[in-house]
Amino acid sequence: MEKVFKKPLIVFAVLSGVLASIFFLFPINLFDGVYVVDNGLQHYTRDINLSLSNFVGIGIEGMEELGIVDFYLKPQGYIIAAIMIFGIPGLFAYRMYLKVTNKPEEK
């Protein structure tokens, strides 16, 4: 386990993969998005928090009955997703890199 933390790119890749799989497999509504509703009489958009799992088909059962024809992320949603999936693991990997490079060599 100690050797894994000495390679920041591996830490970044593993942590990004874990976070991405969590956000794409579980319906966690964290990201700013928009529903487009069209029920025949009305056509409107509604701001709502979306889950990234909606984009892979998890958690969208029943949307057609509600008249939801489309959904997408707003720019804030894309930024939050990028920060959560790449930013936090990047900071953690950078911290590991600094810890490894600033460590005095053992003799």
C-alpha atoms as a PDB file:
ATOM      1  CA  MET A   1       0.000   0.000   0.000  1.00  0.00           C
ATOM      2  CA  GLU A   2       2.909   2.317   0.735  1.00  0.00           C
ATOM      3  CA  LYS A   3       4.230   1.945  -2.836  1.00  0.00           C
ATOM      4  CA  VAL A   4       0.896   2.966  -4.339  1.00  0.00           C
ATOM      5  CA  PHE A   5       0.952   6.310  -2.558  1.00  0.00           C
ATOM      6  CA  LYS A   6       4.427   7.010  -3.953  1.00  0.00           C
ATOM      7  CA  LYS A   7       2.988   7.176  -7.493  1.00  0.00           C
ATOM      8  CA  PRO A   8       0.643  10.169  -7.715  1.00  0.00           C
ATOM      9  CA  LEU A   9      -0.609   9.373 -11.226  1.00  0.00           C
ATOM     10  CA  ILE A  10      -1.884   6.003 -10.048  1.00  0.00           C
ATOM     11  CA  VAL A  11      -3.560   7.673  -7.062  1.00  0.00           C
ATOM     12  CA  PHE A  12      -5.173  10.212  -9.401  1.00  0.00           C
ATOM     13  CA  ALA A  13      -6.392   7.569 -11.855  1.00  0.00           C
ATOM     14  CA  VAL A  14      -7.798   5.263  -9.191  1.00  0.00           C
ATOM     15  CA  LEU A  15      -9.509   8.013  -7.220  1.00  0.00           C
ATOM     16  CA  SER A  16     -10.966   9.576 -10.386  1.00  0.00           C
ATOM     17  CA  GLY A  17     -12.269   6.188 -11.481  1.00  0.00           C
ATOM     18  CA  VAL A  18     -13.854   5.516  -8.106  1.00  0.00           C
ATOM     19  CA  LEU A  19     -15.553   8.918  -7.960  1.00  0.00           C
ATOM     20  CA  ALA A  20     -16.726   8.700 -11.581  1.00  0.00           C
ATOM     21  CA  SER A  21     -18.195   5.250 -11.001  1.00  0.00           C
ATOM     22  CA  ILE A  22     -19.993   6.478  -7.885  1.00  0.00           C
ATOM     23  CA  PHE A  23     -21.481   9.477  -9.692  1.00  0.00           C
ATOM     24  CA  PHE A  24     -22.438   7.505 -12.824  1.00  0.00           C
ATOM     25  CA  LEU A  25     -23.876   4.445 -11.049  1.00  0.00           C
ATOM     26  CA  PHE A  26     -25.775   5.930  -8.105  1.00  0.00           C
ATOM     27  CA  PRO A  27     -28.547   8.536  -8.431  1.00  0.00           C
ATOM     28  CA  ILE A  28     -26.945  11.362  -6.457  1.00  0.00           C
ATOM     29  CA  ASN A  29     -28.588  14.631  -7.528  1.00  0.00           C
ATOM     30  CA  LEU A  30     -25.743  17.121  -7.099  1.00  0.00           C
ATOM     31  CA  PHE A  31     -25.314  18.765 -10.472  1.00  0.00           C
ATOM     32  CA  ASP A  32     -27.239  21.813 -11.760  1.00  0.00           C
ATOM     33  CA  GLY A  33     -29.316  20.910 -14.769  1.00  0.00           C
ATOM     34  CA  VAL A  34     -32.527  21.492 -16.701  1.00  0.00           C
ATOM     35  CA  TYR A  35     -35.520  19.307 -17.536  1.00  0.00           C
ATOM     36  CA  VAL A  36     -37.383  20.031 -20.764  1.00  0.00           C
ATOM     37  CA  VAL A  37     -41.052  19.187 -20.315  1.00  0.00           C
ATOM     38  CA  ASP A  38     -43.500  18.782 -23.197  1.00  0.00           C
ATOM     39  CA  ASN A  39     -46.847  17.229 -22.324  1.00  0.00           C
ATOM     40  CA  GLY A  40     -48.781  18.196 -25.439  1.00  0.00           C
ATOM     41  CA  LEU A  41     -50.315  21.360 -24.017  1.00  0.00           C
ATOM     42  CA  GLN A  42     -47.249  22.989 -22.524  1.00  0.00           C
ATOM     43  CA  HIS A  43     -43.581  23.227 -23.360  1.00  0.00           C
ATOM     44  CA  TYR A  44     -41.285  24.583 -20.638  1.00  0.00           C
ATOM     45  CA  THR A  45     -37.965  24.059 -18.902  1.00  0.00           C
ATOM     46  CA  ARG A  46     -37.393  23.514 -15.212  1.00  0.00           C
ATOM     47  CA  ASP A  47     -34.153  24.009 -13.287  1.00  0.00           C
ATOM     48  CA  ILE A  48     -33.378  21.006 -11.132  1.00  0.00           C
ATOM     49  CA  ASN A  49     -30.444  19.089  -9.670  1.00  0.00           C
ATOM     50  CA  LEU A  50     -29.539  16.134 -11.874  1.00  0.00           C
ATOM     51  CA  SER A  51     -27.521  13.013 -11.338  1.00  0.00           C
ATOM     52  CA  LEU A  52     -24.836  11.875 -13.766  1.00  0.00           C
ATOM     53  CA  SER A  53     -26.445   8.430 -13.632  1.00  0.00           C
ATOM     54  CA  ASN A  54     -29.385   9.853 -15.604  1.00  0.00           C
ATOM     55  CA  PHE A  55     -27.090  10.178 -18.619  1.00  0.00           C
ATOM     56  CA  VAL A  56     -26.334   6.445 -18.642  1.00  0.00           C
ATOM     57  CA  GLY A  57     -29.989   5.470 -18.181  1.00  0.00           C
ATOM     58  CA  ILE A  58     -30.118   4.853 -14.440  1.00  0.00           C
ATOM     59  CA  GLY A  59     -32.984   6.564 -12.664  1.00  0.00           C
ATOM     60  CA  ILE A  60     -34.905   7.799 -15.701  1.00  0.00           C
ATOM     61  CA  GLU A  61     -37.794   5.367 -15.389  1.00  0.00           C
ATOM     62  CA  GLY A  62     -41.074   7.230 -15.406  1.00  0.00           C
ATOM     63  CA  MET A  63     -39.766  10.409 -17.015  1.00  0.00           C
ATOM     64  CA  GLU A  64     -41.873   9.926 -20.131  1.00  0.00           C
ATOM     65  CA  GLU A  65     -45.049   9.716 -18.065  1.00  0.00           C
ATOM     66  CA  LEU A  66     -44.173  13.085 -16.542  1.00  0.00           C
ATOM     67  CA  GLY A  67     -43.663  14.590 -20.000  1.00  0.00           C
ATOM     68  CA  ILE A  68     -39.911  15.066 -19.657  1.00  0.00           C
ATOM     69  CA  VAL A  69     -38.470  14.848 -23.154  1.00  0.00           C
ATOM     70  CA  ASP A  70     -34.911  16.023 -22.507  1.00  0.00           C
ATOM     71  CA  PHE A  71     -32.504  16.918 -19.723  1.00  0.00           C
ATOM     72  CA  TYR A  72     -29.054  18.441 -19.715  1.00  0.00           C
ATOM     73  CA  LEU A  73     -26.499  19.999 -17.413  1.00  0.00           C
ATOM     74  CA  LYS A  74     -26.014  23.723 -17.125  1.00  0.00           C
ATOM     75  CA  PRO A  75     -22.460  25.140 -17.229  1.00  0.00           C
ATOM     76  CA  GLN A  76     -22.369  25.145 -13.414  1.00  0.00           C
ATOM     77  CA  GLY A  77     -23.227  21.444 -13.468  1.00  0.00           C
ATOM     78  CA  TYR A  78     -20.333  20.689 -15.822  1.00  0.00           C
ATOM     79  CA  ILE A  79     -17.957  22.664 -13.607  1.00  0.00           C
ATOM     80  CA  ILE A  80     -19.089  20.877 -10.442  1.00  0.00           C
ATOM     81  CA  ALA A  81     -18.784  17.490 -12.171  1.00  0.00           C
ATOM     82  CA  ALA A  82     -15.252  18.293 -13.383  1.00  0.00           C
ATOM     83  CA  ILE A  83     -14.204  19.499  -9.932  1.00  0.00           C
ATOM     84  CA  MET A  84     -15.652  16.441  -8.205  1.00  0.00           C
ATOM     85  CA  ILE A  85     -14.261  13.878 -10.671  1.00  0.00           C
ATOM     86  CA  PHE A  86     -10.901  15.441 -11.606  1.00  0.00           C
ATOM     87  CA  GLY A  87     -10.200  18.348  -9.242  1.00  0.00           C
ATOM     88  CA  ILE A  88     -10.408  16.613  -5.884  1.00  0.00           C
ATOM     89  CA  PRO A  89      -8.348  13.582  -6.998  1.00  0.00           C
ATOM     90  CA  GLY A  90      -5.877  15.988  -8.623  1.00  0.00           C
ATOM     91  CA  LEU A  91      -5.395  17.875  -5.354  1.00  0.00           C
ATOM     92  CA  PHE A  92      -4.996  14.617  -3.455  1.00  0.00           C
ATOM     93  CA  ALA A  93      -2.436  13.307  -5.987  1.00  0.00           C
ATOM     94  CA  TYR A  94      -0.560  16.622  -5.869  1.00  0.00           C
ATOM     95  CA  ARG A  95      -0.423  16.370  -2.100  1.00  0.00           C
ATOM     96  CA  MET A  96       0.994  12.850  -2.399  1.00  0.00           C
ATOM     97  CA  TYR A  97       3.542  14.106  -4.941  1.00  0.00           C
ATOM     98  CA  LEU A  98       4.695  16.893  -2.613  1.00  0.00           C
ATOM     99  CA  LYS A  99       4.907  14.474   0.280  1.00  0.00           C
ATOM    100  CA  VAL A 100       7.096  12.078  -1.732  1.00  0.00           C
ATOM    101  CA  THR A 101       9.396  14.744  -3.224  1.00  0.00           C
ATOM    102  CA  ASN A 102       9.927  16.731  -0.002  1.00  0.00           C
ATOM    103  CA  LYS A 103      10.672  13.667   2.070  1.00  0.00           C
ATOM    104  CA  PRO A 104      14.332  13.531   3.161  1.00  0.00           C
ATOM    105  CA  GLU A 105      16.181  10.567   1.732  1.00  0.00           C
ATOM    106  CA  GLU A 106      16.798   7.731   4.132  1.00  0.00           C
ATOM    107  CA  LYS A 107      20.322   6.347   4.398  1.00  0.00           C
END
